[in-house]
Amino acid sequence: VQLVESGGGLVQPGGSLRLSCAASGFTFSNYAMSWYRQAPGKERERVAVISSNGASRDYGASVKGRFTISRVNVKNTVYLQMNSLKPEDTAVYYCNVQILSGARWGQGTQVTVSS
């Protein structure tokens, strides 16, 4: 199993970024996918989750209405569109899948929101 995130960077408050996570090594279309984030000195928190077919999505309270999770199963890729970014969104963002043998994580991508 391999998860590779991309798309992070430095953005000003109010700006937007789109993160991508390319998956391989498992049957992507069979599994729900999640995005998590971890800020310095804080616990990792789940930001968004999407069902295997994309029909169901759920968001953390702090990002609801600003972030959108989506997936393209034929591309084995999950996305996180982040709008109206705030300084408190600064964190390392991780892609996650829960398979039978346990959780799998990507290496993470840094998002920094600062003027």
PDB file of N, CA and C in Angstrom:
ATOM      1  N   VAL A   1       0.853  -1.195   0.000  1.00  0.00           N
ATOM      2  CA  VAL A   1       0.000   0.000   0.000  1.00  0.00           C
ATOM      3  C   VAL A   1       0.882   1.236   0.000  1.00  0.00           C
ATOM      4  N   GLN A   2       0.562   2.164  -0.886  1.00  0.00           N
ATOM      5  CA  GLN A   2       1.296   3.418  -0.930  1.00  0.00           C
ATOM      6  C   GLN A   2       0.321   4.561  -1.126  1.00  0.00           C
ATOM      7  N   LEU A   3       0.502   5.599  -0.328  1.00  0.00           N
ATOM      8  CA  LEU A   3      -0.286   6.817  -0.434  1.00  0.00           C
ATOM      9  C   LEU A   3       0.687   7.976  -0.576  1.00  0.00           C
ATOM     10  N   VAL A   4       0.522   8.783  -1.618  1.00  0.00           N
ATOM     11  CA  VAL A   4       1.441   9.887  -1.879  1.00  0.00           C
ATOM     12  C   VAL A   4       0.655  11.185  -2.002  1.00  0.00           C
ATOM     13  N   GLU A   5       0.844  12.064  -1.010  1.00  0.00           N
ATOM     14  CA  GLU A   5       0.153  13.352  -1.011  1.00  0.00           C
ATOM     15  C   GLU A   5       0.963  14.397  -1.775  1.00  0.00           C
ATOM     16  N   SER A   6       0.257  15.361  -2.318  1.00  0.00           N
ATOM     17  CA  SER A   6       0.882  16.495  -2.983  1.00  0.00           C
ATOM     18  C   SER A   6      -0.059  17.685  -2.935  1.00  0.00           C
ATOM     19  N   GLY A   7       0.479  18.861  -3.252  1.00  0.00           N
ATOM     20  CA  GLY A   7      -0.360  20.044  -3.356  1.00  0.00           C
ATOM     21  C   GLY A   7      -0.256  21.027  -2.211  1.00  0.00           C
ATOM     22  N   GLY A   8       0.502  20.689  -1.184  1.00  0.00           N
ATOM     23  CA  GLY A   8       0.656  21.614  -0.074  1.00  0.00           C
ATOM     24  C   GLY A   8       1.505  22.813  -0.458  1.00  0.00           C
ATOM     25  N   GLY A   9       1.566  23.783   0.466  1.00  0.00           N
ATOM     26  CA  GLY A   9       2.375  24.965   0.215  1.00  0.00           C
ATOM     27  C   GLY A   9       2.017  26.088   1.141  1.00  0.00           C
ATOM     28  N   LEU A  10       2.513  27.269   0.797  1.00  0.00           N
ATOM     29  CA  LEU A  10       2.253  28.482   1.564  1.00  0.00           C
ATOM     30  C   LEU A  10       1.160  29.275   0.867  1.00  0.00           C
ATOM     31  N   VAL A  11       0.153  29.672   1.635  1.00  0.00           N
ATOM     32  CA  VAL A  11      -0.961  30.426   1.074  1.00  0.00           C
ATOM     33  C   VAL A  11      -1.376  31.499   2.073  1.00  0.00           C
ATOM     34  N   GLN A  12      -1.882  32.600   1.562  1.00  0.00           N
ATOM     35  CA  GLN A  12      -2.342  33.678   2.440  1.00  0.00           C
ATOM     36  C   GLN A  12      -3.709  33.352   3.021  1.00  0.00           C
ATOM     37  N   PRO A  13      -4.036  33.919   4.157  1.00  0.00           N
ATOM     38  CA  PRO A  13      -5.379  33.727   4.717  1.00  0.00           C
ATOM     39  C   PRO A  13      -6.449  34.109   3.700  1.00  0.00           C
ATOM     40  N   GLY A  14      -7.479  33.283   3.626  1.00  0.00           N
ATOM     41  CA  GLY A  14      -8.536  33.487   2.650  1.00  0.00           C
ATOM     42  C   GLY A  14      -8.293  32.797   1.328  1.00  0.00           C
ATOM     43  N   GLY A  15      -7.100  32.266   1.147  1.00  0.00           N
ATOM     44  CA  GLY A  15      -6.755  31.599  -0.098  1.00  0.00           C
ATOM     45  C   GLY A  15      -7.238  30.171  -0.164  1.00  0.00           C
ATOM     46  N   SER A  16      -6.858  29.502  -1.259  1.00  0.00           N
ATOM     47  CA  SER A  16      -7.289  28.127  -1.513  1.00  0.00           C
ATOM     48  C   SER A  16      -6.111  27.246  -1.910  1.00  0.00           C
ATOM     49  N   LEU A  17      -6.252  25.975  -1.621  1.00  0.00           N
ATOM     50  CA  LEU A  17      -5.315  24.947  -2.079  1.00  0.00           C
ATOM     51  C   LEU A  17      -6.095  23.680  -2.363  1.00  0.00           C
ATOM     52  N   ARG A  18      -5.575  22.869  -3.265  1.00  0.00           N
ATOM     53  CA  ARG A  18      -6.154  21.540  -3.481  1.00  0.00           C
ATOM     54  C   ARG A  18      -5.072  20.498  -3.269  1.00  0.00           C
ATOM     55  N   LEU A  19      -5.324  19.619  -2.328  1.00  0.00           N
ATOM     56  CA  LEU A  19      -4.410  18.510  -2.051  1.00  0.00           C
ATOM     57  C   LEU A  19      -4.856  17.284  -2.841  1.00  0.00           C
ATOM     58  N   SER A  20      -3.879  16.488  -3.242  1.00  0.00           N
ATOM     59  CA  SER A  20      -4.146  15.223  -3.929  1.00  0.00           C
ATOM     60  C   SER A  20      -3.448  14.090  -3.191  1.00  0.00           C
ATOM     61  N   CYS A  21      -4.046  12.921  -3.266  1.00  0.00           N
ATOM     62  CA  CYS A  21      -3.438  11.717  -2.690  1.00  0.00           C
ATOM     63  C   CYS A  21      -3.580  10.600  -3.715  1.00  0.00           C
ATOM     64  N   ALA A  22      -2.456  10.158  -4.249  1.00  0.00           N
ATOM     65  CA  ALA A  22      -2.443   9.063  -5.208  1.00  0.00           C
ATOM     66  C   ALA A  22      -2.212   7.760  -4.468  1.00  0.00           C
ATOM     67  N   ALA A  23      -3.101   6.800  -4.666  1.00  0.00           N
ATOM     68  CA  ALA A  23      -3.061   5.529  -3.944  1.00  0.00           C
ATOM     69  C   ALA A  23      -2.672   4.385  -4.857  1.00  0.00           C
ATOM     70  N   SER A  24      -1.999   3.399  -4.291  1.00  0.00           N
ATOM     71  CA  SER A  24      -1.657   2.199  -5.038  1.00  0.00           C
ATOM     72  C   SER A  24      -1.466   1.042  -4.064  1.00  0.00           C
ATOM     73  N   GLY A  25      -1.523  -0.164  -4.598  1.00  0.00           N
ATOM     74  CA  GLY A  25      -1.264  -1.346  -3.785  1.00  0.00           C
ATOM     75  C   GLY A  25      -2.487  -1.976  -3.140  1.00  0.00           C
ATOM     76  N   PHE A  26      -3.651  -1.422  -3.409  1.00  0.00           N
ATOM     77  CA  PHE A  26      -4.890  -2.005  -2.910  1.00  0.00           C
ATOM     78  C   PHE A  26      -6.012  -1.600  -3.858  1.00  0.00           C
ATOM     79  N   THR A  27      -7.169  -2.219  -3.701  1.00  0.00           N
ATOM     80  CA  THR A  27      -8.307  -1.927  -4.577  1.00  0.00           C
ATOM     81  C   THR A  27      -8.980  -0.657  -4.061  1.00  0.00           C
ATOM     82  N   PHE A  28      -8.547   0.451  -4.625  1.00  0.00           N
ATOM     83  CA  PHE A  28      -8.931   1.785  -4.139  1.00  0.00           C
ATOM     84  C   PHE A  28     -10.450   1.944  -4.040  1.00  0.00           C
ATOM     85  N   SER A  29     -11.161   1.475  -5.029  1.00  0.00           N
ATOM     86  CA  SER A  29     -12.605   1.703  -5.091  1.00  0.00           C
ATOM     87  C   SER A  29     -13.385   0.937  -4.021  1.00  0.00           C
ATOM     88  N   ASN A  30     -12.716   0.075  -3.276  1.00  0.00           N
ATOM     89  CA  ASN A  30     -13.392  -0.692  -2.223  1.00  0.00           C
ATOM     90  C   ASN A  30     -13.336  -0.032  -0.854  1.00  0.00           C
ATOM     91  N   TYR A  31     -12.582   1.060  -0.724  1.00  0.00           N
ATOM     92  CA  TYR A  31     -12.308   1.603   0.598  1.00  0.00           C
ATOM     93  C   TYR A  31     -12.666   3.080   0.740  1.00  0.00           C
ATOM     94  N   ALA A  32     -13.194   3.398   1.929  1.00  0.00           N
ATOM     95  CA  ALA A  32     -13.320   4.799   2.290  1.00  0.00           C
ATOM     96  C   ALA A  32     -11.921   5.396   2.448  1.00  0.00           C
ATOM     97  N   MET A  33     -11.838   6.692   2.190  1.00  0.00           N
ATOM     98  CA  MET A  33     -10.569   7.402   2.300  1.00  0.00           C
ATOM     99  C   MET A  33     -10.760   8.628   3.195  1.00  0.00           C
ATOM    100  N   SER A  34      -9.706   8.976   3.912  1.00  0.00           N
ATOM    101  CA  SER A  34      -9.783  10.099   4.832  1.00  0.00           C
ATOM    102  C   SER A  34      -8.583  11.028   4.671  1.00  0.00           C
ATOM    103  N   TRP A  35      -8.816  12.276   5.072  1.00  0.00           N
ATOM    104  CA  TRP A  35      -7.731  13.233   5.240  1.00  0.00           C
ATOM    105  C   TRP A  35      -7.663  13.580   6.731  1.00  0.00           C
ATOM    106  N   TYR A  36      -6.440  13.603   7.241  1.00  0.00           N
ATOM    107  CA  TYR A  36      -6.169  14.025   8.604  1.00  0.00           C
ATOM    108  C   TYR A  36      -5.172  15.182   8.552  1.00  0.00           C
ATOM    109  N   ARG A  37      -5.051  15.863   9.672  1.00  0.00           N
ATOM    110  CA  ARG A  37      -4.012  16.887   9.786  1.00  0.00           C
ATOM    111  C   ARG A  37      -3.452  16.883  11.201  1.00  0.00           C
ATOM    112  N   GLN A  38      -2.221  17.356  11.287  1.00  0.00           N
ATOM    113  CA  GLN A  38      -1.579  17.473  12.590  1.00  0.00           C
ATOM    114  C   GLN A  38      -0.773  18.756  12.636  1.00  0.00           C
ATOM    115  N   ALA A  39      -1.146  19.619  13.563  1.00  0.00           N
ATOM    116  CA  ALA A  39      -0.432  20.872  13.784  1.00  0.00           C
ATOM    117  C   ALA A  39       0.616  20.658  14.881  1.00  0.00           C
ATOM    118  N   PRO A  40       1.651  21.482  14.903  1.00  0.00           N
ATOM    119  CA  PRO A  40       2.698  21.333  15.934  1.00  0.00           C
ATOM    120  C   PRO A  40       2.109  21.356  17.339  1.00  0.00           C
ATOM    121  N   GLY A  41       2.465  20.367  18.132  1.00  0.00           N
ATOM    122  CA  GLY A  41       2.010  20.305  19.507  1.00  0.00           C
ATOM    123  C   GLY A  41       0.583  19.850  19.699  1.00  0.00           C
ATOM    124  N   LYS A  42      -0.070  19.440  18.617  1.00  0.00           N
ATOM    125  CA  LYS A  42      -1.459  19.008  18.713  1.00  0.00           C
ATOM    126  C   LYS A  42      -1.603  17.567  18.228  1.00  0.00           C
ATOM    127  N   GLU A  43      -2.698  16.944  18.619  1.00  0.00           N
ATOM    128  CA  GLU A  43      -2.983  15.585  18.171  1.00  0.00           C
ATOM    129  C   GLU A  43      -3.456  15.600  16.713  1.00  0.00           C
ATOM    130  N   ARG A  44      -3.243  14.458  16.064  1.00  0.00           N
ATOM    131  CA  ARG A  44      -3.740  14.326  14.703  1.00  0.00           C
ATOM    132  C   ARG A  44      -5.269  14.284  14.741  1.00  0.00           C
ATOM    133  N   GLU A  45      -5.914  15.008  13.846  1.00  0.00           N
ATOM    134  CA  GLU A  45      -7.370  15.048  13.799  1.00  0.00           C
ATOM    135  C   GLU A  45      -7.857  14.735  12.387  1.00  0.00           C
ATOM    136  N   ARG A  46      -9.009  14.069  12.343  1.00  0.00           N
ATOM    137  CA  ARG A  46      -9.583  13.779  11.040  1.00  0.00           C
ATOM    138  C   ARG A  46     -10.295  15.027  10.506  1.00  0.00           C
ATOM    139  N   VAL A  47      -9.998  15.347   9.264  1.00  0.00           N
ATOM    140  CA  VAL A  47     -10.557  16.525   8.606  1.00  0.00           C
ATOM    141  C   VAL A  47     -11.776  16.156   7.782  1.00  0.00           C
ATOM    142  N   ALA A  48     -11.670  15.062   7.028  1.00  0.00           N
ATOM    143  CA  ALA A  48     -12.758  14.676   6.133  1.00  0.00           C
ATOM    144  C   ALA A  48     -12.633  13.200   5.799  1.00  0.00           C
ATOM    145  N   VAL A  49     -13.768  12.589   5.478  1.00  0.00           N
ATOM    146  CA  VAL A  49     -13.813  11.189   5.060  1.00  0.00           C
ATOM    147  C   VAL A  49     -14.822  11.066   3.936  1.00  0.00           C
ATOM    148  N   ILE A  50     -14.525  10.172   2.993  1.00  0.00           N
ATOM    149  CA  ILE A  50     -15.424   9.925   1.869  1.00  0.00           C
ATOM    150  C   ILE A  50     -15.591   8.421   1.702  1.00  0.00           C
ATOM    151  N   SER A  51     -16.811   8.002   1.418  1.00  0.00           N
ATOM    152  CA  SER A  51     -17.091   6.579   1.252  1.00  0.00           C
ATOM    153  C   SER A  51     -16.448   6.045  -0.024  1.00  0.00           C
ATOM    154  N   SER A  52     -16.480   4.742  -0.163  1.00  0.00           N
ATOM    155  CA  SER A  52     -15.780   4.094  -1.274  1.00  0.00           C
ATOM    156  C   SER A  52     -16.292   4.544  -2.636  1.00  0.00           C
ATOM    157  N   ASN A  53     -17.598   4.798  -2.745  1.00  0.00           N
ATOM    158  CA  ASN A  53     -18.150   5.210  -4.037  1.00  0.00           C
ATOM    159  C   ASN A  53     -18.359   6.730  -4.121  1.00  0.00           C
ATOM    160  N   GLY A  54     -17.965   7.436  -3.077  1.00  0.00           N
ATOM    161  CA  GLY A  54     -18.070   8.892  -3.087  1.00  0.00           C
ATOM    162  C   GLY A  54     -19.426   9.441  -2.718  1.00  0.00           C
ATOM    163  N   ALA A  55     -20.374   8.572  -2.410  1.00  0.00           N
ATOM    164  CA  ALA A  55     -21.742   9.032  -2.161  1.00  0.00           C
ATOM    165  C   ALA A  55     -21.905   9.688  -0.796  1.00  0.00           C
ATOM    166  N   SER A  56     -21.044   9.350   0.133  1.00  0.00           N
ATOM    167  CA  SER A  56     -21.166   9.864   1.498  1.00  0.00           C
ATOM    168  C   SER A  56     -19.877  10.561   1.913  1.00  0.00           C
ATOM    169  N   ARG A  57     -20.017  11.732   2.528  1.00  0.00           N
ATOM    170  CA  ARG A  57     -18.865  12.506   2.973  1.00  0.00           C
ATOM    171  C   ARG A  57     -19.165  13.073   4.352  1.00  0.00           C
ATOM    172  N   ASP A  58     -18.124  13.247   5.128  1.00  0.00           N
ATOM    173  CA  ASP A  58     -18.284  13.841   6.448  1.00  0.00           C
ATOM    174  C   ASP A  58     -17.058  14.696   6.729  1.00  0.00           C
ATOM    175  N   TYR A  59     -17.281  15.752   7.534  1.00  0.00           N
ATOM    176  CA  TYR A  59     -16.223  16.723   7.771  1.00  0.00           C
ATOM    177  C   TYR A  59     -16.101  17.043   9.260  1.00  0.00           C
ATOM    178  N   GLY A  60     -14.890  17.415   9.650  1.00  0.00           N
ATOM    179  CA  GLY A  60     -14.709  17.928  10.990  1.00  0.00           C
ATOM    180  C   GLY A  60     -15.380  19.287  11.131  1.00  0.00           C
ATOM    181  N   ALA A  61     -15.780  19.606  12.337  1.00  0.00           N
ATOM    182  CA  ALA A  61     -16.532  20.825  12.567  1.00  0.00           C
ATOM    183  C   ALA A  61     -15.742  22.073  12.168  1.00  0.00           C
ATOM    184  N   SER A  62     -14.441  22.031  12.334  1.00  0.00           N
ATOM    185  CA  SER A  62     -13.622  23.216  12.072  1.00  0.00           C
ATOM    186  C   SER A  62     -13.454  23.516  10.587  1.00  0.00           C
ATOM    187  N   VAL A  63     -13.773  22.564   9.721  1.00  0.00           N
ATOM    188  CA  VAL A  63     -13.570  22.780   8.288  1.00  0.00           C
ATOM    189  C   VAL A  63     -14.858  22.695   7.493  1.00  0.00           C
ATOM    190  N   LYS A  64     -15.941  22.324   8.133  1.00  0.00           N
ATOM    191  CA  LYS A  64     -17.214  22.155   7.418  1.00  0.00           C
ATOM    192  C   LYS A  64     -17.613  23.465   6.743  1.00  0.00           C
ATOM    193  N   GLY A  65     -17.993  23.357   5.472  1.00  0.00           N
ATOM    194  CA  GLY A  65     -18.379  24.534   4.706  1.00  0.00           C
ATOM    195  C   GLY A  65     -17.224  25.200   3.974  1.00  0.00           C
ATOM    196  N   ARG A  66     -15.995  24.816   4.315  1.00  0.00           N
ATOM    197  CA  ARG A  66     -14.813  25.409   3.664  1.00  0.00           C
ATOM    198  C   ARG A  66     -14.028  24.365   2.854  1.00  0.00           C
ATOM    199  N   PHE A  67     -14.013  23.136   3.318  1.00  0.00           N
ATOM    200  CA  PHE A  67     -13.253  22.065   2.657  1.00  0.00           C
ATOM    201  C   PHE A  67     -14.209  21.102   1.965  1.00  0.00           C
ATOM    202  N   THR A  68     -13.749  20.522   0.857  1.00  0.00           N
ATOM    203  CA  THR A  68     -14.515  19.519   0.132  1.00  0.00           C
ATOM    204  C   THR A  68     -13.625  18.345  -0.223  1.00  0.00           C
ATOM    205  N   ILE A  69     -14.044  17.159   0.180  1.00  0.00           N
ATOM    206  CA  ILE A  69     -13.316  15.943  -0.181  1.00  0.00           C
ATOM    207  C   ILE A  69     -13.998  15.310  -1.388  1.00  0.00           C
ATOM    208  N   SER A  70     -13.193  14.765  -2.299  1.00  0.00           N
ATOM    209  CA  SER A  70     -13.736  14.094  -3.472  1.00  0.00           C
ATOM    210  C   SER A  70     -12.764  13.001  -3.892  1.00  0.00           C
ATOM    211  N   ARG A  71     -13.207  12.157  -4.805  1.00  0.00           N
ATOM    212  CA  ARG A  71     -12.357  11.081  -5.287  1.00  0.00           C
ATOM    213  C   ARG A  71     -12.683  10.749  -6.723  1.00  0.00           C
ATOM    214  N   VAL A  72     -11.683  10.234  -7.429  1.00  0.00           N
ATOM    215  CA  VAL A  72     -11.865   9.716  -8.782  1.00  0.00           C
ATOM    216  C   VAL A  72     -11.305   8.305  -8.768  1.00  0.00           C
ATOM    217  N   ASN A  73     -12.191   7.345  -8.732  1.00  0.00           N
ATOM    218  CA  ASN A  73     -11.762   5.955  -8.537  1.00  0.00           C
ATOM    219  C   ASN A  73     -10.945   5.426  -9.713  1.00  0.00           C
ATOM    220  N   VAL A  74     -11.247   5.887 -10.923  1.00  0.00           N
ATOM    221  CA  VAL A  74     -10.482   5.389 -12.072  1.00  0.00           C
ATOM    222  C   VAL A  74      -9.043   5.911 -12.048  1.00  0.00           C
ATOM    223  N   LYS A  75      -8.813   6.968 -11.272  1.00  0.00           N
ATOM    224  CA  LYS A  75      -7.465   7.512 -11.135  1.00  0.00           C
ATOM    225  C   LYS A  75      -6.818   7.120  -9.810  1.00  0.00           C
ATOM    226  N   ASN A  76      -7.529   6.368  -8.975  1.00  0.00           N
ATOM    227  CA  ASN A  76      -7.010   5.981  -7.650  1.00  0.00           C
ATOM    228  C   ASN A  76      -6.525   7.200  -6.868  1.00  0.00           C
ATOM    229  N   THR A  77      -7.311   8.263  -6.902  1.00  0.00           N
ATOM    230  CA  THR A  77      -6.895   9.522  -6.289  1.00  0.00           C
ATOM    231  C   THR A  77      -8.033  10.123  -5.470  1.00  0.00           C
ATOM    232  N   VAL A  78      -7.663  10.661  -4.312  1.00  0.00           N
ATOM    233  CA  VAL A  78      -8.594  11.402  -3.475  1.00  0.00           C
ATOM    234  C   VAL A  78      -8.066  12.827  -3.332  1.00  0.00           C
ATOM    235  N   TYR A  79      -8.984  13.768  -3.282  1.00  0.00           N
ATOM    236  CA  TYR A  79      -8.630  15.185  -3.249  1.00  0.00           C
ATOM    237  C   TYR A  79      -9.209  15.862  -2.006  1.00  0.00           C
ATOM    238  N   LEU A  80      -8.589  16.969  -1.637  1.00  0.00           N
ATOM    239  CA  LEU A  80      -9.136  17.829  -0.598  1.00  0.00           C
ATOM    240  C   LEU A  80      -9.034  19.266  -1.090  1.00  0.00           C
ATOM    241  N   GLN A  81     -10.172  19.840  -1.456  1.00  0.00           N
ATOM    242  CA  GLN A  81     -10.233  21.236  -1.859  1.00  0.00           C
ATOM    243  C   GLN A  81     -10.427  22.081  -0.606  1.00  0.00           C
ATOM    244  N   MET A  82      -9.502  22.993  -0.373  1.00  0.00           N
ATOM    245  CA  MET A  82      -9.536  23.811   0.837  1.00  0.00           C
ATOM    246  C   MET A  82      -9.706  25.271   0.447  1.00  0.00           C
ATOM    247  N   ASN A  83     -10.809  25.869   0.850  1.00  0.00           N
ATOM    248  CA  ASN A  83     -11.110  27.268   0.561  1.00  0.00           C
ATOM    249  C   ASN A  83     -11.163  28.071   1.857  1.00  0.00           C
ATOM    250  N   SER A  84     -11.102  29.374   1.721  1.00  0.00           N
ATOM    251  CA  SER A  84     -11.190  30.287   2.873  1.00  0.00           C
ATOM    252  C   SER A  84     -10.237  29.847   3.980  1.00  0.00           C
ATOM    253  N   LEU A  85      -9.017  29.591   3.602  1.00  0.00           N
ATOM    254  CA  LEU A  85      -8.048  29.067   4.566  1.00  0.00           C
ATOM    255  C   LEU A  85      -7.730  30.076   5.652  1.00  0.00           C
ATOM    256  N   LYS A  86      -7.509  29.537   6.853  1.00  0.00           N
ATOM    257  CA  LYS A  86      -7.214  30.344   8.031  1.00  0.00           C
ATOM    258  C   LYS A  86      -5.840  29.936   8.591  1.00  0.00           C
ATOM    259  N   PRO A  87      -5.200  30.814   9.340  1.00  0.00           N
ATOM    260  CA  PRO A  87      -3.913  30.447   9.944  1.00  0.00           C
ATOM    261  C   PRO A  87      -3.997  29.160  10.771  1.00  0.00           C
ATOM    262  N   GLU A  88      -5.135  28.922  11.409  1.00  0.00           N
ATOM    263  CA  GLU A  88      -5.286  27.717  12.222  1.00  0.00           C
ATOM    264  C   GLU A  88      -5.407  26.449  11.395  1.00  0.00           C
ATOM    265  N   ASP A  89      -5.483  26.567  10.077  1.00  0.00           N
ATOM    266  CA  ASP A  89      -5.452  25.387   9.208  1.00  0.00           C
ATOM    267  C   ASP A  89      -4.024  24.922   8.939  1.00  0.00           C
ATOM    268  N   THR A  90      -3.046  25.681   9.398  1.00  0.00           N
ATOM    269  CA  THR A  90      -1.650  25.299   9.212  1.00  0.00           C
ATOM    270  C   THR A  90      -1.366  23.969   9.898  1.00  0.00           C
ATOM    271  N   ALA A  91      -0.869  23.012   9.128  1.00  0.00           N
ATOM    272  CA  ALA A  91      -0.621  21.672   9.641  1.00  0.00           C
ATOM    273  C   ALA A  91       0.016  20.827   8.543  1.00  0.00           C
ATOM    274  N   VAL A  92       0.457  19.645   8.928  1.00  0.00           N
ATOM    275  CA  VAL A  92       0.795  18.624   7.941  1.00  0.00           C
ATOM    276  C   VAL A  92      -0.473  17.810   7.684  1.00  0.00           C
ATOM    277  N   TYR A  93      -0.809  17.664   6.422  1.00  0.00           N
ATOM    278  CA  TYR A  93      -2.024  16.953   6.022  1.00  0.00           C
ATOM    279  C   TYR A  93      -1.649  15.565   5.501  1.00  0.00           C
ATOM    280  N   TYR A  94      -2.374  14.569   6.010  1.00  0.00           N
ATOM    281  CA  TYR A  94      -2.102  13.168   5.693  1.00  0.00           C
ATOM    282  C   TYR A  94      -3.321  12.503   5.056  1.00  0.00           C
ATOM    283  N   CYS A  95      -3.030  11.663   4.104  1.00  0.00           N
ATOM    284  CA  CYS A  95      -4.039  10.786   3.508  1.00  0.00           C
ATOM    285  C   CYS A  95      -4.049   9.477   4.292  1.00  0.00           C
ATOM    286  N   ASN A  96      -5.235   8.876   4.438  1.00  0.00           N
ATOM    287  CA  ASN A  96      -5.366   7.669   5.254  1.00  0.00           C
ATOM    288  C   ASN A  96      -6.353   6.693   4.644  1.00  0.00           C
ATOM    289  N   VAL A  97      -6.026   5.419   4.755  1.00  0.00           N
ATOM    290  CA  VAL A  97      -6.981   4.358   4.428  1.00  0.00           C
ATOM    291  C   VAL A  97      -6.891   3.294   5.525  1.00  0.00           C
ATOM    292  N   GLN A  98      -8.045   2.793   5.904  1.00  0.00           N
ATOM    293  CA  GLN A  98      -8.105   1.736   6.908  1.00  0.00           C
ATOM    294  C   GLN A  98      -8.371   0.425   6.181  1.00  0.00           C
ATOM    295  N   ILE A  99      -7.317  -0.405   6.077  1.00  0.00           N
ATOM    296  CA  ILE A  99      -7.488  -1.686   5.430  1.00  0.00           C
ATOM    297  C   ILE A  99      -7.491  -2.785   6.497  1.00  0.00           C
ATOM    298  N   LEU A 100      -7.667  -4.043   6.078  1.00  0.00           N
ATOM    299  CA  LEU A 100      -7.837  -5.137   7.047  1.00  0.00           C
ATOM    300  C   LEU A 100      -6.648  -5.257   8.000  1.00  0.00           C
ATOM    301  N   SER A 101      -5.457  -4.978   7.501  1.00  0.00           N
ATOM    302  CA  SER A 101      -4.253  -5.149   8.328  1.00  0.00           C
ATOM    303  C   SER A 101      -3.908  -3.900   9.130  1.00  0.00           C
ATOM    304  N   GLY A 102      -4.751  -2.877   9.026  1.00  0.00           N
ATOM    305  CA  GLY A 102      -4.519  -1.681   9.818  1.00  0.00           C
ATOM    306  C   GLY A 102      -4.535  -0.417   9.001  1.00  0.00           C
ATOM    307  N   ALA A 103      -4.270   0.685   9.677  1.00  0.00           N
ATOM    308  CA  ALA A 103      -4.277   1.988   9.020  1.00  0.00           C
ATOM    309  C   ALA A 103      -3.006   2.185   8.216  1.00  0.00           C
ATOM    310  N   ARG A 104      -3.162   2.837   7.092  1.00  0.00           N
ATOM    311  CA  ARG A 104      -2.017   3.194   6.244  1.00  0.00           C
ATOM    312  C   ARG A 104      -2.043   4.704   6.046  1.00  0.00           C
ATOM    313  N   TRP A 105      -0.826   5.276   6.080  1.00  0.00           N
ATOM    314  CA  TRP A 105      -0.680   6.714   5.987  1.00  0.00           C
ATOM    315  C   TRP A 105       0.289   7.104   4.882  1.00  0.00           C
ATOM    316  N   GLY A 106       0.058   8.272   4.313  1.00  0.00           N
ATOM    317  CA  GLY A 106       1.040   8.854   3.427  1.00  0.00           C
ATOM    318  C   GLY A 106       2.111   9.572   4.232  1.00  0.00           C
ATOM    319  N   GLN A 107       3.033  10.211   3.519  1.00  0.00           N
ATOM    320  CA  GLN A 107       4.150  10.888   4.179  1.00  0.00           C
ATOM    321  C   GLN A 107       3.749  12.282   4.652  1.00  0.00           C
ATOM    322  N   GLY A 108       2.628  12.764   4.159  1.00  0.00           N
ATOM    323  CA  GLY A 108       2.138  14.075   4.562  1.00  0.00           C
ATOM    324  C   GLY A 108       2.610  15.189   3.640  1.00  0.00           C
ATOM    325  N   THR A 109       1.815  16.267   3.620  1.00  0.00           N
ATOM    326  CA  THR A 109       2.178  17.460   2.860  1.00  0.00           C
ATOM    327  C   THR A 109       1.894  18.681   3.734  1.00  0.00           C
ATOM    328  N   GLN A 110       2.841  19.593   3.791  1.00  0.00           N
ATOM    329  CA  GLN A 110       2.740  20.750   4.670  1.00  0.00           C
ATOM    330  C   GLN A 110       1.858  21.825   4.049  1.00  0.00           C
ATOM    331  N   VAL A 111       0.920  22.313   4.831  1.00  0.00           N
ATOM    332  CA  VAL A 111       0.103  23.466   4.453  1.00  0.00           C
ATOM    333  C   VAL A 111       0.367  24.570   5.477  1.00  0.00           C
ATOM    334  N   THR A 112       0.772  25.722   4.986  1.00  0.00           N
ATOM    335  CA  THR A 112       1.042  26.864   5.857  1.00  0.00           C
ATOM    336  C   THR A 112       0.194  28.039   5.387  1.00  0.00           C
ATOM    337  N   VAL A 113      -0.614  28.562   6.300  1.00  0.00           N
ATOM    338  CA  VAL A 113      -1.474  29.703   5.994  1.00  0.00           C
ATOM    339  C   VAL A 113      -0.943  30.902   6.772  1.00  0.00           C
ATOM    340  N   SER A 114      -0.395  31.848   6.040  1.00  0.00           N
ATOM    341  CA  SER A 114       0.243  32.988   6.691  1.00  0.00           C
ATOM    342  C   SER A 114       0.347  34.147   5.724  1.00  0.00           C
ATOM    343  N   SER A 115       0.263  35.344   6.282  1.00  0.00           N
ATOM    344  CA  SER A 115       0.443  36.527   5.456  1.00  0.00           C
ATOM    345  C   SER A 115       1.898  36.991   5.493  1.00  0.00           C
TER     346      SER A 115
END
